[in-house]
Amino acid sequence: MRILGILTLLSGPALAAGCPQLPDYSPELRNLIEQADRAPDVRAGRVVSDAMWKVWLRAPDEVAQGILDTGLRRRDAYDFLGAIGEFDRLVAYCPDYAEGYNQRAYIHFLNGEYAAALTNLDIALNLQPLHVAAQTGRALTLMHMGRISEARAQLLIAVENNPWLPEAGLLAKDAPLGPQGSDI
């Protein structure tokens, strides 16, 4: 009977009505940002980065978690069309859950659909301003769109929140988002 209830829930317009209210993850993320700032080395920084991902990937209920996990499996199998379908379902079911938009943005980014990626990243960051991965994704998307000064500003914010991001190298001298001319 439980499976039938979940299938019924996933089958139509009732999706958004079924998503529970999201807990406020901001205090937990602020704590992890502080830990990242204090991390003594790359290894410790990666542990904190992994902990951040565990927060973002914590869906509000079992239904949302199942949709997210299916979408991630499809993404990892390069089934981008199937992944987009799952992330569309997740966003329809839990419109206040930032990770649905972040993952959908990533698929759009991988497909070179930068405007669609940016739209989804903006929604994700509106819902969860401390989503460092969405901040980084937004910077990379803006960079691919040729909006270099905006990309640099966004990546500086992401790196301020997590100095251990591999993308921080894009801010180095002579890197795509590094200091330019009078910035040096």
C-alpha atoms as a PDB file:
ATOM      1  CA  MET A   1       0.000   0.000   0.000  1.00  0.00           C
ATOM      2  CA  ARG A   2       2.894   2.399   0.771  1.00  0.00           C
ATOM      3  CA  ILE A   3       4.321   1.945  -2.744  1.00  0.00           C
ATOM      4  CA  LEU A   4       0.906   2.583  -4.270  1.00  0.00           C
ATOM      5  CA  GLY A   5       0.672   5.802  -2.254  1.00  0.00           C
ATOM      6  CA  ILE A   6       4.076   6.970  -3.435  1.00  0.00           C
ATOM      7  CA  LEU A   7       3.227   6.111  -7.052  1.00  0.00           C
ATOM      8  CA  THR A   8      -0.033   8.010  -6.758  1.00  0.00           C
ATOM      9  CA  LEU A   9       1.821  10.968  -5.279  1.00  0.00           C
ATOM     10  CA  LEU A  10       4.337  10.986  -8.118  1.00  0.00           C
ATOM     11  CA  SER A  11       1.810  10.675 -10.900  1.00  0.00           C
ATOM     12  CA  GLY A  12       0.287  14.100 -11.176  1.00  0.00           C
ATOM     13  CA  PRO A  13      -0.395  17.638 -10.026  1.00  0.00           C
ATOM     14  CA  ALA A  14      -0.482  16.633  -6.371  1.00  0.00           C
ATOM     15  CA  LEU A  15       3.319  16.540  -6.347  1.00  0.00           C
ATOM     16  CA  ALA A  16       3.898  20.080  -5.037  1.00  0.00           C
ATOM     17  CA  ALA A  17       1.279  19.608  -2.331  1.00  0.00           C
ATOM     18  CA  GLY A  18       3.102  16.558  -0.974  1.00  0.00           C
ATOM     19  CA  CYS A  19       6.541  18.046  -0.359  1.00  0.00           C
ATOM     20  CA  PRO A  20       7.140  18.822   3.306  1.00  0.00           C
ATOM     21  CA  GLN A  21       8.450  22.174   4.439  1.00  0.00           C
ATOM     22  CA  LEU A  22      12.212  22.290   4.113  1.00  0.00           C
ATOM     23  CA  PRO A  23      14.296  22.677   7.243  1.00  0.00           C
ATOM     24  CA  ASP A  24      16.601  25.685   7.399  1.00  0.00           C
ATOM     25  CA  TYR A  25      20.051  24.322   6.577  1.00  0.00           C
ATOM     26  CA  SER A  26      21.671  27.765   6.817  1.00  0.00           C
ATOM     27  CA  PRO A  27      23.121  27.365  10.349  1.00  0.00           C
ATOM     28  CA  GLU A  28      24.665  24.019   9.364  1.00  0.00           C
ATOM     29  CA  LEU A  29      26.086  25.519   6.165  1.00  0.00           C
ATOM     30  CA  ARG A  30      27.454  28.568   7.992  1.00  0.00           C
ATOM     31  CA  ASN A  31      29.225  26.212  10.390  1.00  0.00           C
ATOM     32  CA  LEU A  32      30.712  24.271   7.456  1.00  0.00           C
ATOM     33  CA  ILE A  33      31.820  27.516   5.786  1.00  0.00           C
ATOM     34  CA  GLU A  34      33.617  28.439   9.016  1.00  0.00           C
ATOM     35  CA  GLN A  35      35.202  24.976   9.109  1.00  0.00           C
ATOM     36  CA  ALA A  36      36.362  25.366   5.494  1.00  0.00           C
ATOM     37  CA  ASP A  37      37.940  28.695   6.372  1.00  0.00           C
ATOM     38  CA  ARG A  38      39.826  27.068   9.275  1.00  0.00           C
ATOM     39  CA  ALA A  39      40.828  23.892   7.411  1.00  0.00           C
ATOM     40  CA  PRO A  40      44.622  23.543   7.605  1.00  0.00           C
ATOM     41  CA  ASP A  41      45.151  21.743   4.306  1.00  0.00           C
ATOM     42  CA  VAL A  42      43.558  20.419   1.120  1.00  0.00           C
ATOM     43  CA  ARG A  43      42.618  17.082   2.674  1.00  0.00           C
ATOM     44  CA  ALA A  44      40.759  18.739   5.539  1.00  0.00           C
ATOM     45  CA  GLY A  45      39.199  21.203   3.094  1.00  0.00           C
ATOM     46  CA  ARG A  46      37.879  18.344   0.958  1.00  0.00           C
ATOM     47  CA  VAL A  47      36.317  16.698   4.019  1.00  0.00           C
ATOM     48  CA  VAL A  48      34.404  19.919   4.677  1.00  0.00           C
ATOM     49  CA  SER A  49      33.445  20.217   0.990  1.00  0.00           C
ATOM     50  CA  ASP A  50      32.075  16.666   1.089  1.00  0.00           C
ATOM     51  CA  ALA A  51      30.075  17.544   4.207  1.00  0.00           C
ATOM     52  CA  MET A  52      28.561  20.519   2.362  1.00  0.00           C
ATOM     53  CA  TRP A  53      27.458  18.196  -0.455  1.00  0.00           C
ATOM     54  CA  LYS A  54      25.817  15.888   2.072  1.00  0.00           C
ATOM     55  CA  VAL A  55      23.716  18.825   3.275  1.00  0.00           C
ATOM     56  CA  TRP A  56      22.693  19.931  -0.237  1.00  0.00           C
ATOM     57  CA  LEU A  57      21.874  16.361  -1.284  1.00  0.00           C
ATOM     58  CA  ARG A  58      19.663  15.778   1.771  1.00  0.00           C
ATOM     59  CA  ALA A  59      16.194  15.852   0.256  1.00  0.00           C
ATOM     60  CA  PRO A  60      13.204  16.851   2.401  1.00  0.00           C
ATOM     61  CA  ASP A  61      11.554  13.404   2.325  1.00  0.00           C
ATOM     62  CA  GLU A  62      11.867   9.879   0.938  1.00  0.00           C
ATOM     63  CA  VAL A  63       9.933  10.686  -2.224  1.00  0.00           C
ATOM     64  CA  ALA A  64      12.161  13.653  -3.074  1.00  0.00           C
ATOM     65  CA  GLN A  65      15.274  11.652  -2.151  1.00  0.00           C
ATOM     66  CA  GLY A  66      14.211   8.864  -4.506  1.00  0.00           C
ATOM     67  CA  ILE A  67      13.646  11.281  -7.377  1.00  0.00           C
ATOM     68  CA  LEU A  68      16.975  13.024  -6.696  1.00  0.00           C
ATOM     69  CA  ASP A  69      18.882   9.744  -6.483  1.00  0.00           C
ATOM     70  CA  THR A  70      17.327   8.486  -9.732  1.00  0.00           C
ATOM     71  CA  GLY A  71      18.221  11.745 -11.453  1.00  0.00           C
ATOM     72  CA  LEU A  72      21.801  11.538 -10.191  1.00  0.00           C
ATOM     73  CA  ARG A  73      22.128   7.927 -11.408  1.00  0.00           C
ATOM     74  CA  ARG A  74      20.814   8.929 -14.821  1.00  0.00           C
ATOM     75  CA  ARG A  75      23.195  11.893 -14.917  1.00  0.00           C
ATOM     76  CA  ASP A  76      26.138   9.677 -13.986  1.00  0.00           C
ATOM     77  CA  ALA A  77      25.120   7.261 -16.783  1.00  0.00           C
ATOM     78  CA  TYR A  78      25.095  10.198 -19.262  1.00  0.00           C
ATOM     79  CA  ASP A  79      21.326   9.837 -19.685  1.00  0.00           C
ATOM     80  CA  PHE A  80      20.880  13.594 -19.641  1.00  0.00           C
ATOM     81  CA  LEU A  81      17.372  13.512 -21.066  1.00  0.00           C
ATOM     82  CA  GLY A  82      16.283  11.085 -18.344  1.00  0.00           C
ATOM     83  CA  ALA A  83      18.107  13.140 -15.698  1.00  0.00           C
ATOM     84  CA  ILE A  84      16.362  16.345 -16.781  1.00  0.00           C
ATOM     85  CA  GLY A  85      13.038  14.507 -16.550  1.00  0.00           C
ATOM     86  CA  GLU A  86      13.804  13.444 -12.976  1.00  0.00           C
ATOM     87  CA  PHE A  87      14.988  16.903 -11.936  1.00  0.00           C
ATOM     88  CA  ASP A  88      11.873  18.418 -13.537  1.00  0.00           C
ATOM     89  CA  ARG A  89       9.810  16.033 -11.373  1.00  0.00           C
ATOM     90  CA  LEU A  90      11.832  16.981  -8.301  1.00  0.00           C
ATOM     91  CA  VAL A  91      11.321  20.709  -8.903  1.00  0.00           C
ATOM     92  CA  ALA A  92       7.593  20.125  -9.477  1.00  0.00           C
ATOM     93  CA  TYR A  93       7.349  18.093  -6.265  1.00  0.00           C
ATOM     94  CA  CYS A  94       9.581  20.298  -4.085  1.00  0.00           C
ATOM     95  CA  PRO A  95       9.755  23.764  -5.662  1.00  0.00           C
ATOM     96  CA  ASP A  96      11.569  25.149  -2.594  1.00  0.00           C
ATOM     97  CA  TYR A  97      14.396  22.566  -2.649  1.00  0.00           C
ATOM     98  CA  ALA A  98      17.455  24.256  -4.180  1.00  0.00           C
ATOM     99  CA  GLU A  99      19.247  21.067  -5.197  1.00  0.00           C
ATOM    100  CA  GLY A 100      16.604  20.200  -7.795  1.00  0.00           C
ATOM    101  CA  TYR A 101      17.395  23.432  -9.612  1.00  0.00           C
ATOM    102  CA  ASN A 102      21.141  23.054  -9.092  1.00  0.00           C
ATOM    103  CA  GLN A 103      21.177  19.569 -10.611  1.00  0.00           C
ATOM    104  CA  ARG A 104      18.924  20.620 -13.477  1.00  0.00           C
ATOM    105  CA  ALA A 105      21.293  23.547 -14.104  1.00  0.00           C
ATOM    106  CA  TYR A 106      24.243  21.159 -14.244  1.00  0.00           C
ATOM    107  CA  ILE A 107      22.580  19.091 -16.970  1.00  0.00           C
ATOM    108  CA  HIS A 108      21.810  22.256 -18.948  1.00  0.00           C
ATOM    109  CA  PHE A 109      25.445  23.332 -18.485  1.00  0.00           C
ATOM    110  CA  LEU A 110      26.730  19.974 -19.734  1.00  0.00           C
ATOM    111  CA  ASN A 111      24.454  20.336 -22.774  1.00  0.00           C
ATOM    112  CA  GLY A 112      25.804  23.842 -23.488  1.00  0.00           C
ATOM    113  CA  GLU A 113      22.437  25.397 -22.610  1.00  0.00           C
ATOM    114  CA  TYR A 114      23.963  28.179 -20.546  1.00  0.00           C
ATOM    115  CA  ALA A 115      20.947  30.499 -20.367  1.00  0.00           C
ATOM    116  CA  ALA A 116      18.798  27.664 -18.972  1.00  0.00           C
ATOM    117  CA  ALA A 117      21.583  26.725 -16.560  1.00  0.00           C
ATOM    118  CA  LEU A 118      21.867  30.309 -15.339  1.00  0.00           C
ATOM    119  CA  THR A 119      18.107  30.583 -14.785  1.00  0.00           C
ATOM    120  CA  ASN A 120      18.123  27.439 -12.636  1.00  0.00           C
ATOM    121  CA  LEU A 121      21.217  28.511 -10.702  1.00  0.00           C
ATOM    122  CA  ASP A 122      19.638  31.874  -9.927  1.00  0.00           C
ATOM    123  CA  ILE A 123      16.585  30.084  -8.519  1.00  0.00           C
ATOM    124  CA  ALA A 124      18.776  27.695  -6.501  1.00  0.00           C
ATOM    125  CA  LEU A 125      20.738  30.592  -5.012  1.00  0.00           C
ATOM    126  CA  ASN A 126      17.582  32.528  -4.261  1.00  0.00           C
ATOM    127  CA  LEU A 127      16.349  29.498  -2.303  1.00  0.00           C
ATOM    128  CA  GLN A 128      19.713  28.696  -0.672  1.00  0.00           C
ATOM    129  CA  PRO A 129      22.207  31.597  -0.857  1.00  0.00           C
ATOM    130  CA  LEU A 130      24.890  29.501   0.885  1.00  0.00           C
ATOM    131  CA  HIS A 131      24.895  26.819  -1.828  1.00  0.00           C
ATOM    132  CA  VAL A 132      28.591  27.059  -2.721  1.00  0.00           C
ATOM    133  CA  ALA A 133      28.288  24.527  -5.549  1.00  0.00           C
ATOM    134  CA  ALA A 134      25.543  26.613  -7.165  1.00  0.00           C
ATOM    135  CA  GLN A 135      27.707  29.717  -6.685  1.00  0.00           C
ATOM    136  CA  THR A 136      30.552  27.933  -8.445  1.00  0.00           C
ATOM    137  CA  GLY A 137      28.272  26.598 -11.176  1.00  0.00           C
ATOM    138  CA  ARG A 138      26.960  30.101 -11.756  1.00  0.00           C
ATOM    139  CA  ALA A 139      30.523  31.420 -12.098  1.00  0.00           C
ATOM    140  CA  LEU A 140      31.429  28.709 -14.621  1.00  0.00           C
ATOM    141  CA  THR A 141      28.212  29.312 -16.567  1.00  0.00           C
ATOM    142  CA  LEU A 142      28.836  33.056 -16.729  1.00  0.00           C
ATOM    143  CA  MET A 143      32.412  32.362 -17.840  1.00  0.00           C
ATOM    144  CA  HIS A 144      31.163  30.168 -20.702  1.00  0.00           C
ATOM    145  CA  MET A 145      28.715  32.921 -21.651  1.00  0.00           C
ATOM    146  CA  GLY A 146      31.630  35.364 -21.934  1.00  0.00           C
ATOM    147  CA  ARG A 147      30.460  37.401 -18.935  1.00  0.00           C
ATOM    148  CA  ILE A 148      33.912  37.348 -17.356  1.00  0.00           C
ATOM    149  CA  SER A 149      33.646  40.149 -14.783  1.00  0.00           C
ATOM    150  CA  GLU A 150      30.375  38.698 -13.424  1.00  0.00           C
ATOM    151  CA  ALA A 151      31.892  35.209 -13.414  1.00  0.00           C
ATOM    152  CA  ARG A 152      34.930  36.432 -11.516  1.00  0.00           C
ATOM    153  CA  ALA A 153      32.797  38.260  -8.932  1.00  0.00           C
ATOM    154  CA  GLN A 154      30.642  35.141  -8.425  1.00  0.00           C
ATOM    155  CA  LEU A 155      33.646  32.839  -8.082  1.00  0.00           C
ATOM    156  CA  LEU A 156      35.227  35.176  -5.539  1.00  0.00           C
ATOM    157  CA  ILE A 157      32.082  34.784  -3.414  1.00  0.00           C
ATOM    158  CA  ALA A 158      32.190  30.989  -3.766  1.00  0.00           C
ATOM    159  CA  VAL A 159      35.885  30.850  -2.832  1.00  0.00           C
ATOM    160  CA  GLU A 160      35.246  33.121   0.143  1.00  0.00           C
ATOM    161  CA  ASN A 161      32.715  30.519   1.318  1.00  0.00           C
ATOM    162  CA  ASN A 162      35.016  27.587   0.538  1.00  0.00           C
ATOM    163  CA  PRO A 163      38.673  28.370  -0.240  1.00  0.00           C
ATOM    164  CA  TRP A 164      39.300  24.703  -1.116  1.00  0.00           C
ATOM    165  CA  LEU A 165      37.268  24.692  -4.314  1.00  0.00           C
ATOM    166  CA  PRO A 166      39.273  23.318  -7.257  1.00  0.00           C
ATOM    167  CA  GLU A 167      37.773  26.127  -9.372  1.00  0.00           C
ATOM    168  CA  ALA A 168      39.714  28.652  -7.252  1.00  0.00           C
ATOM    169  CA  GLY A 169      42.566  28.088  -9.702  1.00  0.00           C
ATOM    170  CA  LEU A 170      40.538  29.999 -12.298  1.00  0.00           C
ATOM    171  CA  LEU A 171      41.254  33.142 -10.245  1.00  0.00           C
ATOM    172  CA  ALA A 172      45.059  32.819 -10.500  1.00  0.00           C
ATOM    173  CA  LYS A 173      47.165  35.258 -12.501  1.00  0.00           C
ATOM    174  CA  ASP A 174      46.836  34.475 -16.229  1.00  0.00           C
ATOM    175  CA  ALA A 175      43.849  32.151 -15.544  1.00  0.00           C
ATOM    176  CA  PRO A 176      40.490  32.795 -17.259  1.00  0.00           C
ATOM    177  CA  LEU A 177      39.044  34.652 -14.245  1.00  0.00           C
ATOM    178  CA  GLY A 178      42.324  35.936 -12.841  1.00  0.00           C
ATOM    179  CA  PRO A 179      43.392  39.534 -12.357  1.00  0.00           C
ATOM    180  CA  GLN A 180      43.266  41.603 -15.529  1.00  0.00           C
ATOM    181  CA  GLY A 181      45.574  44.508 -16.362  1.00  0.00           C
ATOM    182  CA  SER A 182      45.003  47.149 -13.664  1.00  0.00           C
ATOM    183  CA  ASP A 183      43.707  44.475 -11.253  1.00  0.00           C
ATOM    184  CA  ILE A 184      47.242  43.116 -10.733  1.00  0.00           C
END
